[in-house]
Amino acid sequence: MKREAKKYTVMLLGEPYTLISDEPEMHIMQAVSRVDALMNELSESLKSKDAKRVAALAALQFAHKNLSFEEQLRSYQDELIARINRLTGS
């Protein structure tokens, strides 16, 4: 069942952005909250309001976290497969 896309106006680093998504609103708002918090943190630590620079650094940090999570998930999957193989004698 396809969800209907909705339009959202959100704030990132004090600027309004319009999003259109078919994801649940709670998911969108959680993502916006995380991105905004990280962008504000980076902006304060860099002492910069350059939105492009802050956005690029935030994107890189989220990509790094995502890659780390994927590596950890692969490791857990490999470990689980090895345990199953030991139990089944495969």
PDB file of N, CA and C in Angstrom:
ATOM      1  N   MET A   1       0.837  -1.183   0.000  1.00  0.00           N
ATOM      2  CA  MET A   1       0.000   0.000   0.000  1.00  0.00           C
ATOM      3  C   MET A   1       0.885   1.250   0.000  1.00  0.00           C
ATOM      4  N   LYS A   2       0.706   2.081  -0.997  1.00  0.00           N
ATOM      5  CA  LYS A   2       1.517   3.285  -1.132  1.00  0.00           C
ATOM      6  C   LYS A   2       0.960   4.402  -0.251  1.00  0.00           C
ATOM      7  N   ARG A   3       1.881   5.072   0.460  1.00  0.00           N
ATOM      8  CA  ARG A   3       1.478   6.186   1.311  1.00  0.00           C
ATOM      9  C   ARG A   3       1.410   7.457   0.478  1.00  0.00           C
ATOM     10  N   GLU A   4       0.552   8.357   0.900  1.00  0.00           N
ATOM     11  CA  GLU A   4       0.405   9.636   0.210  1.00  0.00           C
ATOM     12  C   GLU A   4       1.490  10.601   0.667  1.00  0.00           C
ATOM     13  N   ALA A   5       2.102  11.279  -0.279  1.00  0.00           N
ATOM     14  CA  ALA A   5       3.151  12.252   0.040  1.00  0.00           C
ATOM     15  C   ALA A   5       2.524  13.489   0.677  1.00  0.00           C
ATOM     16  N   LYS A   6       3.215  14.005   1.683  1.00  0.00           N
ATOM     17  CA  LYS A   6       2.782  15.220   2.364  1.00  0.00           C
ATOM     18  C   LYS A   6       3.891  16.263   2.259  1.00  0.00           C
ATOM     19  N   LYS A   7       3.491  17.507   2.380  1.00  0.00           N
ATOM     20  CA  LYS A   7       4.422  18.632   2.319  1.00  0.00           C
ATOM     21  C   LYS A   7       4.679  19.136   3.735  1.00  0.00           C
ATOM     22  N   TYR A   8       5.951  19.336   4.056  1.00  0.00           N
ATOM     23  CA  TYR A   8       6.360  19.816   5.373  1.00  0.00           C
ATOM     24  C   TYR A   8       7.237  21.046   5.197  1.00  0.00           C
ATOM     25  N   THR A   9       7.076  22.014   6.073  1.00  0.00           N
ATOM     26  CA  THR A   9       8.007  23.127   6.165  1.00  0.00           C
ATOM     27  C   THR A   9       8.735  22.936   7.484  1.00  0.00           C
ATOM     28  N   VAL A  10      10.053  22.787   7.390  1.00  0.00           N
ATOM     29  CA  VAL A  10      10.871  22.514   8.570  1.00  0.00           C
ATOM     30  C   VAL A  10      11.961  23.561   8.680  1.00  0.00           C
ATOM     31  N   MET A  11      12.553  23.641   9.862  1.00  0.00           N
ATOM     32  CA  MET A  11      13.627  24.595  10.096  1.00  0.00           C
ATOM     33  C   MET A  11      14.932  23.844  10.301  1.00  0.00           C
ATOM     34  N   LEU A  12      15.953  24.243   9.561  1.00  0.00           N
ATOM     35  CA  LEU A  12      17.297  23.717   9.722  1.00  0.00           C
ATOM     36  C   LEU A  12      18.247  24.892   9.842  1.00  0.00           C
ATOM     37  N   LEU A  13      18.955  24.946  10.934  1.00  0.00           N
ATOM     38  CA  LEU A  13      19.900  26.031  11.192  1.00  0.00           C
ATOM     39  C   LEU A  13      19.218  27.399  11.062  1.00  0.00           C
ATOM     40  N   GLY A  14      17.963  27.442  11.538  1.00  0.00           N
ATOM     41  CA  GLY A  14      17.216  28.692  11.536  1.00  0.00           C
ATOM     42  C   GLY A  14      16.615  29.091  10.200  1.00  0.00           C
ATOM     43  N   GLU A  15      16.729  28.241   9.184  1.00  0.00           N
ATOM     44  CA  GLU A  15      16.200  28.553   7.861  1.00  0.00           C
ATOM     45  C   GLU A  15      15.071  27.581   7.514  1.00  0.00           C
ATOM     46  N   PRO A  16      14.004  28.075   6.872  1.00  0.00           N
ATOM     47  CA  PRO A  16      12.904  27.183   6.491  1.00  0.00           C
ATOM     48  C   PRO A  16      13.235  26.390   5.219  1.00  0.00           C
ATOM     49  N   TYR A  17      12.835  25.133   5.219  1.00  0.00           N
ATOM     50  CA  TYR A  17      12.981  24.254   4.060  1.00  0.00           C
ATOM     51  C   TYR A  17      11.667  23.520   3.861  1.00  0.00           C
ATOM     52  N   THR A  18      11.294  23.334   2.612  1.00  0.00           N
ATOM     53  CA  THR A  18      10.083  22.594   2.291  1.00  0.00           C
ATOM     54  C   THR A  18      10.473  21.196   1.849  1.00  0.00           C
ATOM     55  N   LEU A  19       9.846  20.207   2.470  1.00  0.00           N
ATOM     56  CA  LEU A  19      10.082  18.806   2.136  1.00  0.00           C
ATOM     57  C   LEU A  19       8.786  18.180   1.666  1.00  0.00           C
ATOM     58  N   ILE A  20       8.885  17.240   0.754  1.00  0.00           N
ATOM     59  CA  ILE A  20       7.744  16.432   0.346  1.00  0.00           C
ATOM     60  C   ILE A  20       8.162  14.987   0.518  1.00  0.00           C
ATOM     61  N   SER A  21       7.373  14.241   1.312  1.00  0.00           N
ATOM     62  CA  SER A  21       7.738  12.868   1.608  1.00  0.00           C
ATOM     63  C   SER A  21       6.496  12.027   1.880  1.00  0.00           C
ATOM     64  N   ASP A  22       6.625  10.734   1.581  1.00  0.00           N
ATOM     65  CA  ASP A  22       5.541   9.813   1.926  1.00  0.00           C
ATOM     66  C   ASP A  22       5.890   9.024   3.192  1.00  0.00           C
ATOM     67  N   GLU A  23       6.981   9.404   3.853  1.00  0.00           N
ATOM     68  CA  GLU A  23       7.348   8.779   5.117  1.00  0.00           C
ATOM     69  C   GLU A  23       6.414   9.297   6.215  1.00  0.00           C
ATOM     70  N   PRO A  24       6.248   8.514   7.288  1.00  0.00           N
ATOM     71  CA  PRO A  24       5.406   8.991   8.397  1.00  0.00           C
ATOM     72  C   PRO A  24       5.944  10.303   8.975  1.00  0.00           C
ATOM     73  N   GLU A  25       5.043  11.170   9.384  1.00  0.00           N
ATOM     74  CA  GLU A  25       5.435  12.491   9.896  1.00  0.00           C
ATOM     75  C   GLU A  25       6.410  12.382  11.059  1.00  0.00           C
ATOM     76  N   MET A  26       6.183  11.432  11.960  1.00  0.00           N
ATOM     77  CA  MET A  26       7.073  11.282  13.109  1.00  0.00           C
ATOM     78  C   MET A  26       8.501  10.974  12.650  1.00  0.00           C
ATOM     79  N   HIS A  27       8.641  10.161  11.619  1.00  0.00           N
ATOM     80  CA  HIS A  27       9.962   9.824  11.070  1.00  0.00           C
ATOM     81  C   HIS A  27      10.637  11.080  10.510  1.00  0.00           C
ATOM     82  N   ILE A  28       9.891  11.857   9.761  1.00  0.00           N
ATOM     83  CA  ILE A  28      10.427  13.093   9.175  1.00  0.00           C
ATOM     84  C   ILE A  28      10.876  14.045  10.279  1.00  0.00           C
ATOM     85  N   MET A  29      10.036  14.234  11.284  1.00  0.00           N
ATOM     86  CA  MET A  29      10.351  15.185  12.348  1.00  0.00           C
ATOM     87  C   MET A  29      11.543  14.718  13.181  1.00  0.00           C
ATOM     88  N   GLN A  30      11.688  13.412  13.396  1.00  0.00           N
ATOM     89  CA  GLN A  30      12.863  12.907  14.115  1.00  0.00           C
ATOM     90  C   GLN A  30      14.131  13.153  13.299  1.00  0.00           C
ATOM     91  N   ALA A  31      14.054  12.910  12.000  1.00  0.00           N
ATOM     92  CA  ALA A  31      15.213  13.143  11.139  1.00  0.00           C
ATOM     93  C   ALA A  31      15.582  14.626  11.122  1.00  0.00           C
ATOM     94  N   VAL A  32      14.584  15.483  10.980  1.00  0.00           N
ATOM     95  CA  VAL A  32      14.825  16.932  10.971  1.00  0.00           C
ATOM     96  C   VAL A  32      15.446  17.362  12.297  1.00  0.00           C
ATOM     97  N   SER A  33      14.939  16.842  13.388  1.00  0.00           N
ATOM     98  CA  SER A  33      15.455  17.197  14.706  1.00  0.00           C
ATOM     99  C   SER A  33      16.924  16.807  14.848  1.00  0.00           C
ATOM    100  N   ARG A  34      17.279  15.613  14.385  1.00  0.00           N
ATOM    101  CA  ARG A  34      18.678  15.166  14.464  1.00  0.00           C
ATOM    102  C   ARG A  34      19.591  16.018  13.594  1.00  0.00           C
ATOM    103  N   VAL A  35      19.149  16.295  12.374  1.00  0.00           N
ATOM    104  CA  VAL A  35      19.970  17.084  11.456  1.00  0.00           C
ATOM    105  C   VAL A  35      20.132  18.509  11.988  1.00  0.00           C
ATOM    106  N   ASP A  36      19.043  19.104  12.444  1.00  0.00           N
ATOM    107  CA  ASP A  36      19.107  20.464  12.966  1.00  0.00           C
ATOM    108  C   ASP A  36      20.019  20.539  14.192  1.00  0.00           C
ATOM    109  N   ALA A  37      19.898  19.569  15.088  1.00  0.00           N
ATOM    110  CA  ALA A  37      20.747  19.568  16.285  1.00  0.00           C
ATOM    111  C   ALA A  37      22.224  19.472  15.899  1.00  0.00           C
ATOM    112  N   LEU A  38      22.545  18.576  14.973  1.00  0.00           N
ATOM    113  CA  LEU A  38      23.940  18.432  14.551  1.00  0.00           C
ATOM    114  C   LEU A  38      24.434  19.691  13.839  1.00  0.00           C
ATOM    115  N   MET A  39      23.597  20.254  12.970  1.00  0.00           N
ATOM    116  CA  MET A  39      24.012  21.467  12.261  1.00  0.00           C
ATOM    117  C   MET A  39      24.256  22.620  13.235  1.00  0.00           C
ATOM    118  N   ASN A  40      23.391  22.756  14.238  1.00  0.00           N
ATOM    119  CA  ASN A  40      23.589  23.817  15.234  1.00  0.00           C
ATOM    120  C   ASN A  40      24.849  23.574  16.049  1.00  0.00           C
ATOM    121  N   GLU A  41      25.088  22.325  16.412  1.00  0.00           N
ATOM    122  CA  GLU A  41      26.298  21.980  17.164  1.00  0.00           C
ATOM    123  C   GLU A  41      27.551  22.307  16.344  1.00  0.00           C
ATOM    124  N   LEU A  42      27.542  21.905  15.074  1.00  0.00           N
ATOM    125  CA  LEU A  42      28.691  22.187  14.211  1.00  0.00           C
ATOM    126  C   LEU A  42      28.873  23.690  14.004  1.00  0.00           C
ATOM    127  N   SER A  43      27.769  24.390  13.789  1.00  0.00           N
ATOM    128  CA  SER A  43      27.829  25.836  13.581  1.00  0.00           C
ATOM    129  C   SER A  43      28.453  26.536  14.780  1.00  0.00           C
ATOM    130  N   GLU A  44      28.067  26.106  15.983  1.00  0.00           N
ATOM    131  CA  GLU A  44      28.630  26.704  17.204  1.00  0.00           C
ATOM    132  C   GLU A  44      30.107  26.366  17.361  1.00  0.00           C
ATOM    133  N   SER A  45      30.463  25.099  17.101  1.00  0.00           N
ATOM    134  CA  SER A  45      31.868  24.714  17.297  1.00  0.00           C
ATOM    135  C   SER A  45      32.773  25.328  16.240  1.00  0.00           C
ATOM    136  N   LEU A  46      32.249  25.542  15.026  1.00  0.00           N
ATOM    137  CA  LEU A  46      33.029  26.170  13.961  1.00  0.00           C
ATOM    138  C   LEU A  46      32.975  27.689  14.030  1.00  0.00           C
ATOM    139  N   LYS A  47      32.058  28.179  14.857  1.00  0.00           N
ATOM    140  CA  LYS A  47      31.800  29.618  14.929  1.00  0.00           C
ATOM    141  C   LYS A  47      31.503  30.171  13.534  1.00  0.00           C
ATOM    142  N   SER A  48      30.658  29.385  12.808  1.00  0.00           N
ATOM    143  CA  SER A  48      30.326  29.740  11.429  1.00  0.00           C
ATOM    144  C   SER A  48      28.835  29.552  11.184  1.00  0.00           C
ATOM    145  N   LYS A  49      28.244  30.467  10.449  1.00  0.00           N
ATOM    146  CA  LYS A  49      26.856  30.342  10.024  1.00  0.00           C
ATOM    147  C   LYS A  49      26.784  30.015   8.534  1.00  0.00           C
ATOM    148  N   ASP A  50      27.908  29.623   7.944  1.00  0.00           N
ATOM    149  CA  ASP A  50      27.941  29.250   6.534  1.00  0.00           C
ATOM    150  C   ASP A  50      27.170  27.938   6.369  1.00  0.00           C
ATOM    151  N   ALA A  51      25.908  28.037   5.953  1.00  0.00           N
ATOM    152  CA  ALA A  51      25.011  26.888   5.903  1.00  0.00           C
ATOM    153  C   ALA A  51      25.543  25.774   5.001  1.00  0.00           C
ATOM    154  N   LYS A  52      26.167  26.134   3.875  1.00  0.00           N
ATOM    155  CA  LYS A  52      26.701  25.100   2.974  1.00  0.00           C
ATOM    156  C   LYS A  52      27.799  24.287   3.653  1.00  0.00           C
ATOM    157  N   ARG A  53      28.694  24.971   4.306  1.00  0.00           N
ATOM    158  CA  ARG A  53      29.802  24.286   4.989  1.00  0.00           C
ATOM    159  C   ARG A  53      29.281  23.403   6.123  1.00  0.00           C
ATOM    160  N   VAL A  54      28.373  23.953   6.922  1.00  0.00           N
ATOM    161  CA  VAL A  54      27.807  23.209   8.036  1.00  0.00           C
ATOM    162  C   VAL A  54      27.021  22.002   7.523  1.00  0.00           C
ATOM    163  N   ALA A  55      26.239  22.195   6.457  1.00  0.00           N
ATOM    164  CA  ALA A  55      25.456  21.088   5.888  1.00  0.00           C
ATOM    165  C   ALA A  55      26.366  19.988   5.343  1.00  0.00           C
ATOM    166  N   ALA A  56      27.444  20.391   4.676  1.00  0.00           N
ATOM    167  CA  ALA A  56      28.381  19.400   4.128  1.00  0.00           C
ATOM    168  C   ALA A  56      29.030  18.591   5.252  1.00  0.00           C
ATOM    169  N   LEU A  57      29.452  19.268   6.310  1.00  0.00           N
ATOM    170  CA  LEU A  57      30.070  18.563   7.437  1.00  0.00           C
ATOM    171  C   LEU A  57      29.067  17.661   8.156  1.00  0.00           C
ATOM    172  N   ALA A  58      27.830  18.121   8.277  1.00  0.00           N
ATOM    173  CA  ALA A  58      26.788  17.288   8.896  1.00  0.00           C
ATOM    174  C   ALA A  58      26.528  16.054   8.038  1.00  0.00           C
ATOM    175  N   ALA A  59      26.454  16.230   6.727  1.00  0.00           N
ATOM    176  CA  ALA A  59      26.238  15.096   5.826  1.00  0.00           C
ATOM    177  C   ALA A  59      27.377  14.090   5.940  1.00  0.00           C
ATOM    178  N   LEU A  60      28.597  14.585   5.999  1.00  0.00           N
ATOM    179  CA  LEU A  60      29.754  13.687   6.156  1.00  0.00           C
ATOM    180  C   LEU A  60      29.704  12.934   7.479  1.00  0.00           C
ATOM    181  N   GLN A  61      29.314  13.617   8.543  1.00  0.00           N
ATOM    182  CA  GLN A  61      29.236  12.945   9.842  1.00  0.00           C
ATOM    183  C   GLN A  61      28.142  11.870   9.837  1.00  0.00           C
ATOM    184  N   PHE A  62      26.975  12.173   9.260  1.00  0.00           N
ATOM    185  CA  PHE A  62      25.913  11.174   9.181  1.00  0.00           C
ATOM    186  C   PHE A  62      26.321  10.006   8.284  1.00  0.00           C
ATOM    187  N   ALA A  63      27.014  10.284   7.191  1.00  0.00           N
ATOM    188  CA  ALA A  63      27.480   9.214   6.303  1.00  0.00           C
ATOM    189  C   ALA A  63      28.468   8.312   7.035  1.00  0.00           C
ATOM    190  N   HIS A  64      29.373   8.919   7.802  1.00  0.00           N
ATOM    191  CA  HIS A  64      30.339   8.138   8.585  1.00  0.00           C
ATOM    192  C   HIS A  64      29.617   7.233   9.582  1.00  0.00           C
ATOM    193  N   LYS A  65      28.635   7.792  10.299  1.00  0.00           N
ATOM    194  CA  LYS A  65      27.877   6.994  11.267  1.00  0.00           C
ATOM    195  C   LYS A  65      27.127   5.870  10.563  1.00  0.00           C
ATOM    196  N   ASN A  66      26.574   6.152   9.401  1.00  0.00           N
ATOM    197  CA  ASN A  66      25.843   5.138   8.638  1.00  0.00           C
ATOM    198  C   ASN A  66      26.772   4.015   8.192  1.00  0.00           C
ATOM    199  N   LEU A  67      27.949   4.369   7.696  1.00  0.00           N
ATOM    200  CA  LEU A  67      28.926   3.354   7.284  1.00  0.00           C
ATOM    201  C   LEU A  67      29.368   2.495   8.462  1.00  0.00           C
ATOM    202  N   SER A  68      29.606   3.128   9.600  1.00  0.00           N
ATOM    203  CA  SER A  68      29.996   2.387  10.797  1.00  0.00           C
ATOM    204  C   SER A  68      28.887   1.429  11.223  1.00  0.00           C
ATOM    205  N   PHE A  69      27.656   1.905  11.166  1.00  0.00           N
ATOM    206  CA  PHE A  69      26.514   1.065  11.510  1.00  0.00           C
ATOM    207  C   PHE A  69      26.407  -0.122  10.551  1.00  0.00           C
ATOM    208  N   GLU A  70      26.577   0.114   9.251  1.00  0.00           N
ATOM    209  CA  GLU A  70      26.514  -0.967   8.264  1.00  0.00           C
ATOM    210  C   GLU A  70      27.616  -2.001   8.509  1.00  0.00           C
ATOM    211  N   GLU A  71      28.811  -1.551   8.831  1.00  0.00           N
ATOM    212  CA  GLU A  71      29.916  -2.471   9.128  1.00  0.00           C
ATOM    213  C   GLU A  71      29.602  -3.311  10.358  1.00  0.00           C
ATOM    214  N   GLN A  72      29.061  -2.684  11.384  1.00  0.00           N
ATOM    215  CA  GLN A  72      28.706  -3.398  12.607  1.00  0.00           C
ATOM    216  C   GLN A  72      27.591  -4.416  12.317  1.00  0.00           C
ATOM    217  N   LEU A  73      26.618  -4.027  11.513  1.00  0.00           N
ATOM    218  CA  LEU A  73      25.528  -4.935  11.154  1.00  0.00           C
ATOM    219  C   LEU A  73      26.053  -6.137  10.379  1.00  0.00           C
ATOM    220  N   ARG A  74      26.967  -5.906   9.431  1.00  0.00           N
ATOM    221  CA  ARG A  74      27.574  -7.014   8.676  1.00  0.00           C
ATOM    222  C   ARG A  74      28.328  -7.953   9.608  1.00  0.00           C
ATOM    223  N   SER A  75      29.025  -7.391  10.576  1.00  0.00           N
ATOM    224  CA  SER A  75      29.764  -8.197  11.540  1.00  0.00           C
ATOM    225  C   SER A  75      28.796  -9.062  12.352  1.00  0.00           C
ATOM    226  N   TYR A  76      27.702  -8.478  12.813  1.00  0.00           N
ATOM    227  CA  TYR A  76      26.701  -9.238  13.557  1.00  0.00           C
ATOM    228  C   TYR A  76      26.086 -10.332  12.685  1.00  0.00           C
ATOM    229  N   GLN A  77      25.830 -10.012  11.424  1.00  0.00           N
ATOM    230  CA  GLN A  77      25.265 -11.005  10.510  1.00  0.00           C
ATOM    231  C   GLN A  77      26.237 -12.170  10.318  1.00  0.00           C
ATOM    232  N   ASP A  78      27.510 -11.851  10.101  1.00  0.00           N
ATOM    233  CA  ASP A  78      28.523 -12.899   9.929  1.00  0.00           C
ATOM    234  C   ASP A  78      28.617 -13.774  11.167  1.00  0.00           C
ATOM    235  N   GLU A  79      28.582 -13.135  12.342  1.00  0.00           N
ATOM    236  CA  GLU A  79      28.656 -13.880  13.599  1.00  0.00           C
ATOM    237  C   GLU A  79      27.435 -14.786  13.765  1.00  0.00           C
ATOM    238  N   LEU A  80      26.269 -14.269  13.437  1.00  0.00           N
ATOM    239  CA  LEU A  80      25.039 -15.056  13.546  1.00  0.00           C
ATOM    240  C   LEU A  80      25.063 -16.245  12.589  1.00  0.00           C
ATOM    241  N   ILE A  81      25.511 -16.025  11.354  1.00  0.00           N
ATOM    242  CA  ILE A  81      25.605 -17.111  10.370  1.00  0.00           C
ATOM    243  C   ILE A  81      26.578 -18.170  10.859  1.00  0.00           C
ATOM    244  N   ALA A  82      27.713 -17.751  11.411  1.00  0.00           N
ATOM    245  CA  ALA A  82      28.713 -18.701  11.930  1.00  0.00           C
ATOM    246  C   ALA A  82      28.112 -19.519  13.079  1.00  0.00           C
ATOM    247  N   ARG A  83      27.355 -18.886  13.958  1.00  0.00           N
ATOM    248  CA  ARG A  83      26.733 -19.614  15.076  1.00  0.00           C
ATOM    249  C   ARG A  83      25.702 -20.612  14.561  1.00  0.00           C
ATOM    250  N   ILE A  84      24.908 -20.193  13.599  1.00  0.00           N
ATOM    251  CA  ILE A  84      23.903 -21.103  13.019  1.00  0.00           C
ATOM    252  C   ILE A  84      24.592 -22.289  12.363  1.00  0.00           C
ATOM    253  N   ASN A  85      25.672 -22.013  11.632  1.00  0.00           N
ATOM    254  CA  ASN A  85      26.405 -23.092  10.969  1.00  0.00           C
ATOM    255  C   ASN A  85      26.988 -24.071  11.989  1.00  0.00           C
ATOM    256  N   ARG A  86      27.506 -23.547  13.106  1.00  0.00           N
ATOM    257  CA  ARG A  86      28.042 -24.430  14.152  1.00  0.00           C
ATOM    258  C   ARG A  86      26.934 -25.285  14.754  1.00  0.00           C
ATOM    259  N   LEU A  87      25.770 -24.693  14.976  1.00  0.00           N
ATOM    260  CA  LEU A  87      24.661 -25.438  15.583  1.00  0.00           C
ATOM    261  C   LEU A  87      24.079 -26.489  14.642  1.00  0.00           C
ATOM    262  N   THR A  88      24.081 -26.190  13.350  1.00  0.00           N
ATOM    263  CA  THR A  88      23.480 -27.126  12.385  1.00  0.00           C
ATOM    264  C   THR A  88      24.516 -28.046  11.778  1.00  0.00           C
ATOM    265  N   GLY A  89      25.796 -27.821  12.101  1.00  0.00           N
ATOM    266  CA  GLY A  89      26.853 -28.669  11.563  1.00  0.00           C
ATOM    267  C   GLY A  89      27.145 -28.426  10.099  1.00  0.00           C
ATOM    268  N   SER A  90      26.767 -27.254   9.614  1.00  0.00           N
ATOM    269  CA  SER A  90      27.002 -26.912   8.194  1.00  0.00           C
ATOM    270  C   SER A  90      28.405 -26.446   7.963  1.00  0.00           C
TER     271      SER A  90
END
